[in-house]
């Protein structure tokens, strides 16, 4: 029987690559995205495109309202998205986002009788978010096996992070080898309704630099300023 996996899909470059990796590894993939009050809502349209083109068995959007607690430039319109280069943990960090997302993914995995969850976190080319580090993933996997029926019954829940130690350029190279169409993805923190990127935020900077270092054309659509 084909193994099932829940794959977190944001519509961005990294999650599109992870979905392709999980599919290539033989998993029947269930793609999960979140409408959490983010300003860059074009990523939800992109997430649907990525899930469909990536062959996901099912695509689900869970609606949350993290804007009600704020604390991030991605969920509070009163906080400006900074240009790339800010020091420390940037204001684009969404408090506890990956903890919340993985918890819901864990619940869906139990319902599906899936023992595997894939997430595109990365500790190399990232913005300094604490919930993208190996220590966080290891701690969450331990929690998952204590807090769930599946874990208690000995199935074992596994959190896969195949991009954790890869550079953005290496992620792009692997994705292209797997047939990922990066023109379908949206990474910008303040993309407009048409999915056009600002070209200034940290996510845009990392994405552009990744394509340059991979020596491939950047398919990103940037809005005219």
N, C-alpha and C. Protein backbone atom coordinates (compact mmCIF):
# COMPACT_ATOMS: atom_id res chain seq x y z
N UNK A 1 0.84 -1.20 0.00
CA UNK A 1 0.00 0.00 0.00
C UNK A 1 0.88 1.25 0.00
N UNK A 2 0.50 2.24 -0.80
CA UNK A 2 1.28 3.46 -0.90
C UNK A 2 1.21 4.25 0.39
N UNK A 3 2.36 4.70 0.87
CA UNK A 3 2.39 5.48 2.10
C UNK A 3 1.83 6.88 1.86
N UNK A 4 1.13 7.40 2.86
CA UNK A 4 0.56 8.73 2.76
C UNK A 4 1.43 9.74 3.51
N UNK A 5 1.40 10.98 3.04
CA UNK A 5 2.13 12.05 3.72
C UNK A 5 1.35 13.35 3.60
N UNK A 6 1.37 14.13 4.65
CA UNK A 6 0.86 15.49 4.62
C UNK A 6 2.02 16.40 4.29
N UNK A 7 1.85 17.24 3.29
CA UNK A 7 2.92 18.16 2.86
C UNK A 7 2.42 19.59 3.02
N UNK A 8 3.11 20.38 3.82
CA UNK A 8 2.75 21.79 3.97
C UNK A 8 3.15 22.54 2.72
N UNK A 9 2.19 23.20 2.08
CA UNK A 9 2.42 23.89 0.82
C UNK A 9 2.00 25.35 0.97
N UNK A 10 2.97 26.24 0.88
CA UNK A 10 2.69 27.67 1.03
C UNK A 10 2.48 28.36 -0.30
N UNK A 11 2.87 27.71 -1.38
CA UNK A 11 2.86 28.37 -2.68
C UNK A 11 4.20 28.92 -3.08
N UNK A 12 5.17 28.81 -2.18
CA UNK A 12 6.50 29.33 -2.44
C UNK A 12 7.43 28.30 -3.06
N UNK A 13 8.63 28.74 -3.32
CA UNK A 13 9.65 27.93 -3.98
C UNK A 13 9.99 26.67 -3.17
N UNK A 14 10.22 26.84 -1.87
CA UNK A 14 10.66 25.72 -1.05
C UNK A 14 9.60 24.63 -0.95
N UNK A 15 8.37 25.01 -0.66
CA UNK A 15 7.34 23.98 -0.47
C UNK A 15 7.00 23.27 -1.77
N UNK A 16 7.12 23.97 -2.91
CA UNK A 16 6.90 23.32 -4.20
C UNK A 16 7.95 22.23 -4.42
N UNK A 17 9.17 22.52 -4.00
CA UNK A 17 10.25 21.54 -4.13
C UNK A 17 10.02 20.34 -3.22
N UNK A 18 9.59 20.61 -2.00
CA UNK A 18 9.34 19.53 -1.04
C UNK A 18 8.22 18.61 -1.53
N UNK A 19 7.16 19.19 -2.09
CA UNK A 19 6.08 18.38 -2.63
C UNK A 19 6.60 17.46 -3.74
N UNK A 20 7.43 17.99 -4.61
CA UNK A 20 8.01 17.18 -5.68
C UNK A 20 8.89 16.08 -5.12
N UNK A 21 9.65 16.39 -4.06
CA UNK A 21 10.51 15.38 -3.45
C UNK A 21 9.70 14.26 -2.82
N UNK A 22 8.64 14.62 -2.11
CA UNK A 22 7.81 13.61 -1.45
C UNK A 22 7.10 12.73 -2.47
N UNK A 23 6.61 13.35 -3.53
CA UNK A 23 5.95 12.59 -4.59
C UNK A 23 6.93 11.64 -5.27
N UNK A 24 8.12 12.12 -5.56
CA UNK A 24 9.15 11.29 -6.20
C UNK A 24 9.56 10.14 -5.29
N UNK A 25 9.50 10.36 -3.98
CA UNK A 25 9.86 9.31 -3.02
C UNK A 25 8.77 8.25 -2.89
N UNK A 26 7.66 8.47 -3.58
CA UNK A 26 6.62 7.45 -3.60
C UNK A 26 5.44 7.67 -2.68
N UNK A 27 5.38 8.82 -2.04
CA UNK A 27 4.27 9.10 -1.13
C UNK A 27 3.03 9.56 -1.88
N UNK A 28 1.87 9.19 -1.38
CA UNK A 28 0.61 9.79 -1.80
C UNK A 28 0.45 11.05 -0.96
N UNK A 29 0.50 12.20 -1.61
CA UNK A 29 0.65 13.47 -0.90
C UNK A 29 -0.67 14.21 -0.72
N UNK A 30 -0.86 14.70 0.48
CA UNK A 30 -2.02 15.51 0.83
C UNK A 30 -1.49 16.89 1.19
N UNK A 31 -1.75 17.86 0.31
CA UNK A 31 -1.17 19.19 0.44
C UNK A 31 -2.02 20.07 1.36
N UNK A 32 -1.36 20.78 2.25
CA UNK A 32 -2.05 21.59 3.25
C UNK A 32 -1.51 23.01 3.25
N UNK A 33 -2.40 23.97 3.07
CA UNK A 33 -2.04 25.39 3.12
C UNK A 33 -2.89 26.08 4.17
N UNK A 34 -2.48 27.30 4.53
CA UNK A 34 -3.16 28.03 5.60
C UNK A 34 -3.49 29.46 5.18
N UNK A 35 -4.75 29.80 5.35
CA UNK A 35 -5.20 31.18 5.18
C UNK A 35 -5.21 31.77 6.59
N UNK A 36 -4.09 32.38 6.97
CA UNK A 36 -3.92 32.79 8.36
C UNK A 36 -3.96 34.31 8.56
N UNK A 37 -4.48 35.01 7.56
CA UNK A 37 -4.55 36.46 7.67
C UNK A 37 -3.32 37.14 7.11
N UNK A 38 -2.55 36.43 6.30
CA UNK A 38 -1.32 36.99 5.74
C UNK A 38 -1.63 38.05 4.68
N UNK A 39 -0.76 39.04 4.62
CA UNK A 39 -0.95 40.11 3.64
C UNK A 39 -0.68 39.61 2.22
N UNK A 40 0.18 38.64 2.06
CA UNK A 40 0.54 38.12 0.74
C UNK A 40 -0.38 36.94 0.37
N UNK A 41 -1.64 37.27 0.17
CA UNK A 41 -2.65 36.24 -0.06
C UNK A 41 -2.52 35.57 -1.43
N UNK A 42 -1.73 36.17 -2.31
CA UNK A 42 -1.50 35.54 -3.61
C UNK A 42 -0.83 34.18 -3.45
N UNK A 43 -0.19 33.96 -2.32
CA UNK A 43 0.46 32.66 -2.12
C UNK A 43 -0.56 31.53 -2.02
N UNK A 44 -1.79 31.83 -1.63
CA UNK A 44 -2.80 30.79 -1.55
C UNK A 44 -3.22 30.32 -2.93
N UNK A 45 -3.31 31.25 -3.86
CA UNK A 45 -3.60 30.90 -5.26
C UNK A 45 -2.44 30.06 -5.80
N UNK A 46 -1.23 30.47 -5.48
CA UNK A 46 -0.05 29.73 -5.92
C UNK A 46 0.00 28.34 -5.29
N UNK A 47 -0.40 28.24 -4.03
CA UNK A 47 -0.39 26.94 -3.34
C UNK A 47 -1.31 25.95 -4.05
N UNK A 48 -2.46 26.43 -4.49
CA UNK A 48 -3.40 25.57 -5.22
C UNK A 48 -2.78 25.11 -6.54
N UNK A 49 -2.13 26.04 -7.25
CA UNK A 49 -1.47 25.68 -8.50
C UNK A 49 -0.39 24.63 -8.26
N UNK A 50 0.41 24.86 -7.23
CA UNK A 50 1.52 23.95 -6.93
C UNK A 50 0.99 22.57 -6.56
N UNK A 51 -0.06 22.52 -5.75
CA UNK A 51 -0.62 21.23 -5.34
C UNK A 51 -1.17 20.46 -6.53
N UNK A 52 -1.88 21.16 -7.40
CA UNK A 52 -2.48 20.50 -8.56
C UNK A 52 -1.42 20.02 -9.55
N UNK A 53 -0.47 20.90 -9.85
CA UNK A 53 0.57 20.51 -10.82
C UNK A 53 1.52 19.48 -10.23
N UNK A 54 1.63 19.48 -8.89
CA UNK A 54 2.53 18.54 -8.22
C UNK A 54 1.92 17.18 -7.97
N UNK A 55 0.68 17.00 -8.38
CA UNK A 55 0.05 15.68 -8.27
C UNK A 55 -0.46 15.31 -6.90
N UNK A 56 -0.77 16.31 -6.05
CA UNK A 56 -1.30 16.01 -4.72
C UNK A 56 -2.64 15.29 -4.83
N UNK A 57 -2.84 14.31 -3.98
CA UNK A 57 -4.09 13.57 -3.94
C UNK A 57 -5.24 14.47 -3.52
N UNK A 58 -4.94 15.38 -2.59
CA UNK A 58 -5.95 16.32 -2.09
C UNK A 58 -5.25 17.60 -1.67
N UNK A 59 -5.95 18.71 -1.82
CA UNK A 59 -5.43 20.01 -1.39
C UNK A 59 -6.44 20.64 -0.46
N UNK A 60 -5.96 21.07 0.70
CA UNK A 60 -6.85 21.64 1.71
C UNK A 60 -6.28 22.97 2.20
N UNK A 61 -7.15 23.98 2.34
CA UNK A 61 -6.78 25.24 2.97
C UNK A 61 -7.49 25.34 4.31
N UNK A 62 -6.73 25.51 5.36
CA UNK A 62 -7.29 25.70 6.70
C UNK A 62 -7.30 27.20 7.00
N UNK A 63 -8.43 27.71 7.41
CA UNK A 63 -8.55 29.14 7.72
C UNK A 63 -8.29 29.39 9.21
N UNK A 64 -7.31 30.23 9.47
CA UNK A 64 -6.98 30.68 10.82
C UNK A 64 -7.03 32.20 10.82
N UNK A 65 -6.89 32.81 11.96
CA UNK A 65 -6.84 34.27 12.00
C UNK A 65 -5.73 34.72 12.94
N UNK A 66 -4.49 34.52 12.48
CA UNK A 66 -3.36 34.96 13.28
C UNK A 66 -3.23 36.47 13.29
N UNK A 67 -3.96 37.14 12.38
CA UNK A 67 -3.94 38.61 12.41
C UNK A 67 -4.59 39.15 13.68
N UNK A 68 -5.42 38.33 14.32
CA UNK A 68 -6.09 38.78 15.54
C UNK A 68 -5.13 38.94 16.71
N UNK A 69 -3.96 38.27 16.64
CA UNK A 69 -2.95 38.48 17.67
C UNK A 69 -1.82 39.37 17.17
N UNK A 70 -1.69 39.49 15.83
CA UNK A 70 -0.69 40.40 15.26
C UNK A 70 0.73 39.99 15.59
N UNK A 71 1.58 40.99 15.76
CA UNK A 71 2.97 40.74 16.13
C UNK A 71 3.90 40.46 14.97
N UNK A 72 3.40 40.59 13.73
CA UNK A 72 4.23 40.32 12.57
C UNK A 72 3.84 41.23 11.42
N UNK A 73 4.82 41.61 10.63
CA UNK A 73 4.53 42.42 9.45
C UNK A 73 3.71 41.66 8.42
N UNK A 74 3.68 40.34 8.53
CA UNK A 74 2.90 39.55 7.58
C UNK A 74 1.43 39.47 7.94
N UNK A 75 1.09 39.79 9.19
CA UNK A 75 -0.30 39.69 9.62
C UNK A 75 -0.86 41.00 10.17
N UNK A 76 -0.03 42.01 10.31
CA UNK A 76 -0.46 43.30 10.83
C UNK A 76 -0.12 44.37 9.81
N UNK A 77 -1.14 44.91 9.18
CA UNK A 77 -0.93 45.89 8.11
C UNK A 77 -0.31 47.19 8.60
N UNK A 78 -0.29 47.39 9.91
CA UNK A 78 0.31 48.61 10.46
C UNK A 78 1.83 48.49 10.56
N UNK A 79 2.35 47.28 10.38
CA UNK A 79 3.80 47.05 10.44
C UNK A 79 4.32 46.88 9.02
N UNK A 80 5.25 47.71 8.60
CA UNK A 80 5.79 47.65 7.25
C UNK A 80 6.70 46.44 7.08
N UNK A 81 6.62 45.82 5.92
CA UNK A 81 7.56 44.76 5.56
C UNK A 81 8.90 45.41 5.26
N UNK A 82 9.96 45.02 5.96
CA UNK A 82 11.26 45.67 5.74
C UNK A 82 11.94 45.17 4.48
N UNK A 83 12.85 45.99 3.97
CA UNK A 83 13.70 45.54 2.88
C UNK A 83 14.68 44.50 3.41
N UNK A 84 15.30 43.77 2.51
CA UNK A 84 16.27 42.74 2.91
C UNK A 84 17.44 43.37 3.66
N UNK A 85 18.01 42.58 4.57
CA UNK A 85 19.23 43.02 5.25
C UNK A 85 19.07 43.38 6.71
N UNK A 86 17.86 43.26 7.26
CA UNK A 86 17.65 43.57 8.67
C UNK A 86 18.39 42.58 9.55
N UNK A 87 18.92 43.05 10.68
CA UNK A 87 19.64 42.19 11.61
C UNK A 87 18.69 41.57 12.62
N UNK A 88 19.07 40.40 13.14
CA UNK A 88 18.26 39.74 14.15
C UNK A 88 17.03 39.08 13.55
N UNK A 89 16.12 38.64 14.42
CA UNK A 89 14.88 38.03 13.96
C UNK A 89 13.98 39.14 13.43
N UNK A 90 13.64 39.11 12.16
CA UNK A 90 12.91 40.22 11.54
C UNK A 90 11.44 40.27 11.94
N UNK A 91 10.81 41.41 11.66
CA UNK A 91 9.40 41.59 12.01
C UNK A 91 8.49 40.77 11.11
N UNK A 92 9.04 40.10 10.10
CA UNK A 92 8.24 39.20 9.28
C UNK A 92 8.06 37.83 9.94
N UNK A 93 8.75 37.60 11.04
CA UNK A 93 8.53 36.37 11.82
C UNK A 93 7.11 36.39 12.37
N UNK A 94 6.36 35.31 12.13
CA UNK A 94 5.00 35.18 12.64
C UNK A 94 5.05 34.32 13.90
N UNK A 95 4.70 34.86 15.07
CA UNK A 95 4.83 34.12 16.32
C UNK A 95 4.19 32.73 16.28
N UNK A 96 5.01 31.72 16.53
CA UNK A 96 4.58 30.32 16.66
C UNK A 96 3.96 29.74 15.40
N UNK A 97 4.18 30.36 14.25
CA UNK A 97 3.49 29.92 13.03
C UNK A 97 3.73 28.45 12.71
N UNK A 98 4.98 28.04 12.65
CA UNK A 98 5.24 26.65 12.27
C UNK A 98 4.77 25.66 13.33
N UNK A 99 4.75 26.08 14.58
CA UNK A 99 4.21 25.22 15.63
C UNK A 99 2.72 24.99 15.41
N UNK A 100 2.00 26.06 15.10
CA UNK A 100 0.57 25.95 14.82
C UNK A 100 0.32 25.12 13.57
N UNK A 101 1.05 25.42 12.50
CA UNK A 101 0.85 24.72 11.23
C UNK A 101 1.14 23.22 11.37
N UNK A 102 2.24 22.89 12.01
CA UNK A 102 2.60 21.48 12.17
C UNK A 102 1.60 20.75 13.07
N UNK A 103 1.06 21.44 14.04
CA UNK A 103 0.07 20.81 14.92
C UNK A 103 -1.17 20.42 14.14
N UNK A 104 -1.62 21.30 13.26
CA UNK A 104 -2.79 20.99 12.44
C UNK A 104 -2.47 19.91 11.41
N UNK A 105 -1.28 19.99 10.83
CA UNK A 105 -0.85 18.94 9.91
C UNK A 105 -0.81 17.59 10.61
N UNK A 106 -0.38 17.59 11.85
CA UNK A 106 -0.32 16.37 12.65
C UNK A 106 -1.72 15.78 12.85
N UNK A 107 -2.68 16.65 13.12
CA UNK A 107 -4.06 16.18 13.27
C UNK A 107 -4.59 15.56 12.00
N UNK A 108 -4.34 16.21 10.86
CA UNK A 108 -4.82 15.67 9.58
C UNK A 108 -4.11 14.35 9.26
N UNK A 109 -2.82 14.28 9.58
CA UNK A 109 -2.08 13.04 9.35
C UNK A 109 -2.69 11.89 10.12
N UNK A 110 -3.11 12.13 11.36
CA UNK A 110 -3.76 11.07 12.14
C UNK A 110 -5.05 10.62 11.49
N UNK A 111 -5.83 11.57 11.02
CA UNK A 111 -7.10 11.24 10.36
C UNK A 111 -6.86 10.41 9.10
N UNK A 112 -5.82 10.75 8.38
CA UNK A 112 -5.49 10.06 7.13
C UNK A 112 -4.76 8.74 7.35
N UNK A 113 -4.38 8.46 8.59
CA UNK A 113 -3.54 7.31 8.91
C UNK A 113 -2.20 7.43 8.20
N UNK A 114 -1.65 8.65 8.22
CA UNK A 114 -0.34 8.93 7.63
C UNK A 114 0.67 9.13 8.75
N UNK A 115 1.84 8.57 8.57
CA UNK A 115 2.89 8.68 9.59
C UNK A 115 3.94 9.73 9.25
N UNK A 116 3.76 10.43 8.13
CA UNK A 116 4.81 11.32 7.65
C UNK A 116 4.27 12.71 7.31
N UNK A 117 5.02 13.73 7.73
CA UNK A 117 4.71 15.11 7.43
C UNK A 117 5.96 15.75 6.83
N UNK A 118 5.78 16.47 5.73
CA UNK A 118 6.90 17.16 5.07
C UNK A 118 6.70 18.66 5.19
N UNK A 119 7.79 19.36 5.51
CA UNK A 119 7.75 20.82 5.62
C UNK A 119 9.06 21.38 5.06
N UNK A 120 8.98 22.51 4.37
CA UNK A 120 10.14 23.05 3.67
C UNK A 120 10.97 24.04 4.47
N UNK A 121 11.17 23.80 5.75
CA UNK A 121 12.00 24.71 6.54
C UNK A 121 13.47 24.53 6.15
N UNK A 122 14.23 25.60 6.36
CA UNK A 122 15.62 25.62 5.93
C UNK A 122 16.44 26.44 6.90
N UNK A 123 17.59 25.90 7.30
CA UNK A 123 18.44 26.59 8.27
C UNK A 123 19.68 27.21 7.65
N UNK A 124 19.72 27.28 6.32
CA UNK A 124 20.87 27.87 5.62
C UNK A 124 20.49 29.23 5.05
N UNK A 125 19.68 29.23 3.99
CA UNK A 125 19.20 30.48 3.40
C UNK A 125 17.81 30.79 3.95
N UNK A 126 17.78 31.39 5.13
CA UNK A 126 16.49 31.70 5.75
C UNK A 126 16.62 33.03 6.48
N UNK A 127 15.54 33.50 7.05
CA UNK A 127 15.53 34.86 7.61
C UNK A 127 15.78 34.90 9.12
N UNK A 128 16.28 33.84 9.68
CA UNK A 128 16.58 33.83 11.11
C UNK A 128 15.40 33.42 11.97
N UNK A 129 14.40 32.80 11.39
CA UNK A 129 13.22 32.40 12.16
C UNK A 129 13.57 31.22 13.08
N UNK A 130 13.22 31.30 14.36
CA UNK A 130 13.58 30.22 15.29
C UNK A 130 12.87 28.90 15.00
N UNK A 131 11.70 28.95 14.33
CA UNK A 131 10.97 27.71 14.06
C UNK A 131 11.33 27.10 12.72
N UNK A 132 12.53 27.43 12.22
CA UNK A 132 13.07 26.80 11.02
C UNK A 132 14.34 26.02 11.33
N UNK A 133 14.65 25.86 12.61
CA UNK A 133 15.90 25.22 13.00
C UNK A 133 15.72 23.73 13.28
N UNK A 134 16.79 22.94 13.13
CA UNK A 134 16.70 21.50 13.44
C UNK A 134 16.22 21.22 14.86
N UNK A 135 16.64 22.04 15.82
CA UNK A 135 16.24 21.81 17.22
C UNK A 135 14.72 21.88 17.38
N UNK A 136 14.09 22.80 16.66
CA UNK A 136 12.63 22.91 16.74
C UNK A 136 11.97 21.67 16.15
N UNK A 137 12.43 21.24 14.97
CA UNK A 137 11.83 20.07 14.32
C UNK A 137 11.99 18.83 15.18
N UNK A 138 13.17 18.64 15.74
CA UNK A 138 13.41 17.48 16.61
C UNK A 138 12.48 17.50 17.82
N UNK A 139 12.31 18.68 18.41
CA UNK A 139 11.43 18.80 19.58
C UNK A 139 9.98 18.54 19.20
N UNK A 140 9.57 19.03 18.03
CA UNK A 140 8.18 18.82 17.62
C UNK A 140 7.92 17.35 17.30
N UNK A 141 8.86 16.68 16.68
CA UNK A 141 8.67 15.26 16.40
C UNK A 141 8.53 14.47 17.70
N UNK A 142 9.33 14.83 18.69
CA UNK A 142 9.20 14.18 20.00
C UNK A 142 7.80 14.42 20.57
N UNK A 143 7.34 15.66 20.50
CA UNK A 143 5.99 16.00 20.95
C UNK A 143 4.94 15.19 20.20
N UNK A 144 5.10 15.10 18.87
CA UNK A 144 4.12 14.40 18.05
C UNK A 144 3.96 12.95 18.47
N UNK A 145 5.04 12.33 18.91
CA UNK A 145 4.98 10.92 19.28
C UNK A 145 4.51 10.71 20.71
N UNK A 146 4.42 11.78 21.47
CA UNK A 146 3.88 11.71 22.83
C UNK A 146 2.41 12.09 22.84
N UNK A 147 2.03 13.03 21.96
CA UNK A 147 0.72 13.67 22.05
C UNK A 147 -0.36 13.04 21.19
N UNK A 148 -0.02 12.01 20.41
CA UNK A 148 -1.00 11.47 19.46
C UNK A 148 -1.31 10.01 19.72
N UNK A 149 -2.47 9.60 19.31
CA UNK A 149 -2.88 8.19 19.37
C UNK A 149 -1.93 7.34 18.55
N UNK A 150 -1.57 7.86 17.35
CA UNK A 150 -0.66 7.12 16.48
C UNK A 150 0.68 6.88 17.16
N UNK A 151 1.20 7.92 17.81
CA UNK A 151 2.47 7.78 18.49
C UNK A 151 2.41 6.81 19.65
N UNK A 152 1.35 6.88 20.44
CA UNK A 152 1.18 6.00 21.60
C UNK A 152 1.04 4.55 21.17
N UNK A 153 0.38 4.34 20.01
CA UNK A 153 0.18 2.98 19.52
C UNK A 153 1.39 2.44 18.76
N UNK A 154 2.43 3.25 18.69
CA UNK A 154 3.68 2.76 18.13
C UNK A 154 3.88 2.94 16.65
N UNK A 155 3.01 3.70 15.98
CA UNK A 155 3.21 3.92 14.55
C UNK A 155 4.45 4.78 14.30
N UNK A 156 4.63 5.79 15.13
CA UNK A 156 5.76 6.70 14.95
C UNK A 156 5.47 7.76 13.92
N UNK A 157 5.42 9.02 14.35
CA UNK A 157 5.20 10.14 13.45
C UNK A 157 6.55 10.75 13.08
N UNK A 158 6.74 11.03 11.81
CA UNK A 158 8.03 11.53 11.33
C UNK A 158 7.84 12.88 10.63
N UNK A 159 8.66 13.86 11.02
CA UNK A 159 8.65 15.17 10.39
C UNK A 159 9.85 15.25 9.46
N UNK A 160 9.60 15.35 8.16
CA UNK A 160 10.67 15.37 7.17
C UNK A 160 11.00 16.81 6.75
N UNK A 161 12.28 17.12 6.76
CA UNK A 161 12.74 18.46 6.37
C UNK A 161 13.87 18.32 5.34
N UNK A 162 13.55 17.89 4.12
CA UNK A 162 14.60 17.59 3.15
C UNK A 162 15.41 18.79 2.67
N UNK A 163 14.96 20.00 2.98
CA UNK A 163 15.69 21.19 2.54
C UNK A 163 16.55 21.80 3.65
N UNK A 164 16.53 21.21 4.82
CA UNK A 164 17.10 21.85 6.00
C UNK A 164 18.53 22.36 5.80
N UNK A 165 19.38 21.60 5.14
CA UNK A 165 20.79 21.98 5.04
C UNK A 165 21.20 22.41 3.63
N UNK A 166 20.21 22.67 2.77
CA UNK A 166 20.51 23.05 1.39
C UNK A 166 20.51 24.56 1.21
N UNK A 167 21.36 25.03 0.33
CA UNK A 167 21.31 26.44 -0.06
C UNK A 167 20.12 26.65 -0.98
N UNK A 168 19.72 27.89 -1.16
CA UNK A 168 18.60 28.17 -2.07
C UNK A 168 18.93 27.71 -3.49
N UNK A 169 20.17 27.90 -3.89
CA UNK A 169 20.58 27.47 -5.23
C UNK A 169 20.45 25.96 -5.38
N UNK A 170 20.86 25.21 -4.37
CA UNK A 170 20.76 23.75 -4.44
C UNK A 170 19.30 23.29 -4.43
N UNK A 171 18.46 24.00 -3.68
CA UNK A 171 17.03 23.68 -3.68
C UNK A 171 16.47 23.85 -5.09
N UNK A 172 16.81 24.95 -5.72
CA UNK A 172 16.33 25.23 -7.08
C UNK A 172 16.82 24.17 -8.06
N UNK A 173 18.08 23.80 -7.96
CA UNK A 173 18.63 22.79 -8.87
C UNK A 173 17.90 21.45 -8.70
N UNK A 174 17.66 21.05 -7.45
CA UNK A 174 16.96 19.79 -7.22
C UNK A 174 15.53 19.86 -7.74
N UNK A 175 14.88 21.00 -7.51
CA UNK A 175 13.51 21.16 -7.97
C UNK A 175 13.41 21.09 -9.48
N UNK A 176 14.33 21.73 -10.17
CA UNK A 176 14.31 21.71 -11.63
C UNK A 176 14.52 20.29 -12.16
N UNK A 177 15.38 19.54 -11.49
CA UNK A 177 15.59 18.14 -11.88
C UNK A 177 14.31 17.31 -11.72
N UNK A 178 13.46 17.72 -10.77
CA UNK A 178 12.21 17.00 -10.52
C UNK A 178 11.04 17.58 -11.31
N UNK A 179 11.32 18.59 -12.13
CA UNK A 179 10.29 19.13 -12.99
C UNK A 179 9.43 20.22 -12.38
N UNK A 180 9.90 20.85 -11.29
CA UNK A 180 9.13 21.92 -10.66
C UNK A 180 9.12 23.15 -11.56
N UNK A 181 7.96 23.74 -11.75
CA UNK A 181 7.82 24.97 -12.52
C UNK A 181 7.77 26.14 -11.53
N UNK A 182 8.90 26.79 -11.35
CA UNK A 182 8.96 27.85 -10.34
C UNK A 182 8.20 29.11 -10.75
N UNK A 183 7.81 29.20 -12.00
CA UNK A 183 6.99 30.33 -12.44
C UNK A 183 5.61 30.29 -11.78
N UNK A 184 5.22 29.13 -11.28
CA UNK A 184 3.92 28.97 -10.61
C UNK A 184 3.96 29.43 -9.16
N UNK A 185 5.15 29.64 -8.62
CA UNK A 185 5.29 29.91 -7.20
C UNK A 185 5.36 31.40 -6.88
N UNK A 186 4.98 31.73 -5.65
CA UNK A 186 5.04 33.11 -5.15
C UNK A 186 5.74 33.08 -3.80
N UNK A 187 6.85 33.82 -3.69
CA UNK A 187 7.62 33.85 -2.45
C UNK A 187 7.56 35.18 -1.72
N UNK A 188 7.23 36.24 -2.43
CA UNK A 188 7.30 37.60 -1.88
C UNK A 188 6.38 37.80 -0.68
N UNK A 189 6.90 38.49 0.34
CA UNK A 189 6.13 38.78 1.56
C UNK A 189 5.01 39.80 1.33
N UNK A 190 5.09 40.55 0.23
CA UNK A 190 4.06 41.53 -0.05
C UNK A 190 3.68 41.52 -1.53
N UNK A 191 3.54 40.31 -2.06
CA UNK A 191 3.12 40.16 -3.46
C UNK A 191 1.74 40.78 -3.63
N UNK A 192 1.49 41.38 -4.80
CA UNK A 192 0.17 41.96 -5.04
C UNK A 192 -0.82 40.87 -5.43
N UNK A 193 -2.05 41.27 -5.71
CA UNK A 193 -3.10 40.30 -5.97
C UNK A 193 -2.85 39.48 -7.23
N UNK A 194 -1.98 39.97 -8.10
CA UNK A 194 -1.63 39.24 -9.32
C UNK A 194 -0.41 38.34 -9.11
N UNK A 195 0.10 38.32 -7.88
CA UNK A 195 1.25 37.48 -7.58
C UNK A 195 2.58 38.09 -7.97
N UNK A 196 2.58 39.38 -8.31
CA UNK A 196 3.83 40.03 -8.68
C UNK A 196 4.62 40.41 -7.43
N UNK A 197 5.93 40.16 -7.45
CA UNK A 197 6.79 40.35 -6.30
C UNK A 197 7.31 41.77 -6.19
N UNK A 198 7.63 42.18 -4.94
CA UNK A 198 8.13 43.54 -4.72
C UNK A 198 9.58 43.68 -5.12
N UNK A 199 10.36 42.58 -5.00
CA UNK A 199 11.77 42.63 -5.35
C UNK A 199 12.66 43.22 -4.27
N UNK A 200 12.09 43.60 -3.12
CA UNK A 200 12.88 44.28 -2.08
C UNK A 200 12.95 43.51 -0.76
N UNK A 201 11.94 42.72 -0.45
CA UNK A 201 11.89 42.06 0.86
C UNK A 201 12.94 40.94 0.95
N UNK A 202 13.12 40.42 2.14
CA UNK A 202 14.13 39.40 2.37
C UNK A 202 13.85 38.14 1.55
N UNK A 203 12.57 37.77 1.44
CA UNK A 203 12.22 36.58 0.68
C UNK A 203 12.55 36.76 -0.79
N UNK A 204 12.26 37.93 -1.34
CA UNK A 204 12.61 38.22 -2.73
C UNK A 204 14.13 38.18 -2.93
N UNK A 205 14.87 38.73 -1.98
CA UNK A 205 16.32 38.75 -2.06
C UNK A 205 16.89 37.34 -2.09
N UNK A 206 16.43 36.47 -1.17
CA UNK A 206 16.92 35.11 -1.11
C UNK A 206 16.58 34.33 -2.39
N UNK A 207 15.37 34.57 -2.89
CA UNK A 207 14.92 33.88 -4.10
C UNK A 207 15.77 34.31 -5.31
N UNK A 208 15.91 35.61 -5.50
CA UNK A 208 16.69 36.11 -6.63
C UNK A 208 18.13 35.61 -6.57
N UNK A 209 18.72 35.69 -5.38
CA UNK A 209 20.10 35.25 -5.21
C UNK A 209 20.23 33.76 -5.50
N UNK A 210 19.22 32.99 -5.13
CA UNK A 210 19.24 31.55 -5.39
C UNK A 210 19.28 31.23 -6.87
N UNK A 211 18.46 31.91 -7.65
CA UNK A 211 18.46 31.67 -9.10
C UNK A 211 19.79 32.11 -9.72
N UNK A 212 20.33 33.22 -9.22
CA UNK A 212 21.61 33.69 -9.75
C UNK A 212 22.71 32.68 -9.47
N UNK A 213 22.75 32.16 -8.25
CA UNK A 213 23.81 31.21 -7.87
C UNK A 213 23.62 29.85 -8.53
N UNK A 214 22.36 29.53 -8.89
CA UNK A 214 22.10 28.27 -9.60
C UNK A 214 22.36 28.41 -11.10
N UNK A 215 22.59 29.66 -11.54
CA UNK A 215 22.87 29.96 -12.95
C UNK A 215 21.71 29.55 -13.86
N UNK A 216 20.50 29.84 -13.39
CA UNK A 216 19.31 29.60 -14.22
C UNK A 216 18.47 30.88 -14.23
N UNK A 217 17.64 31.01 -15.25
CA UNK A 217 16.81 32.21 -15.38
C UNK A 217 15.80 32.29 -14.24
N UNK A 218 15.62 33.48 -13.72
CA UNK A 218 14.65 33.74 -12.65
C UNK A 218 13.28 33.99 -13.28
N UNK A 219 12.29 33.10 -13.04
CA UNK A 219 10.97 33.27 -13.65
C UNK A 219 10.03 34.17 -12.86
N UNK A 220 10.54 34.77 -11.78
CA UNK A 220 9.70 35.60 -10.91
C UNK A 220 9.16 36.81 -11.68
N UNK A 221 7.90 37.11 -11.46
CA UNK A 221 7.29 38.31 -12.06
C UNK A 221 7.35 39.43 -11.02
N UNK A 222 8.11 40.46 -11.32
CA UNK A 222 8.25 41.60 -10.40
C UNK A 222 7.33 42.73 -10.87
N UNK A 223 6.70 43.38 -9.93
CA UNK A 223 5.82 44.46 -10.31
C UNK A 223 6.63 45.71 -10.66
N UNK A 224 6.08 46.48 -11.54
CA UNK A 224 6.74 47.71 -11.98
C UNK A 224 6.50 48.79 -10.95
N UNK A 225 7.57 49.40 -10.47
CA UNK A 225 7.46 50.43 -9.42
C UNK A 225 7.46 51.82 -10.05
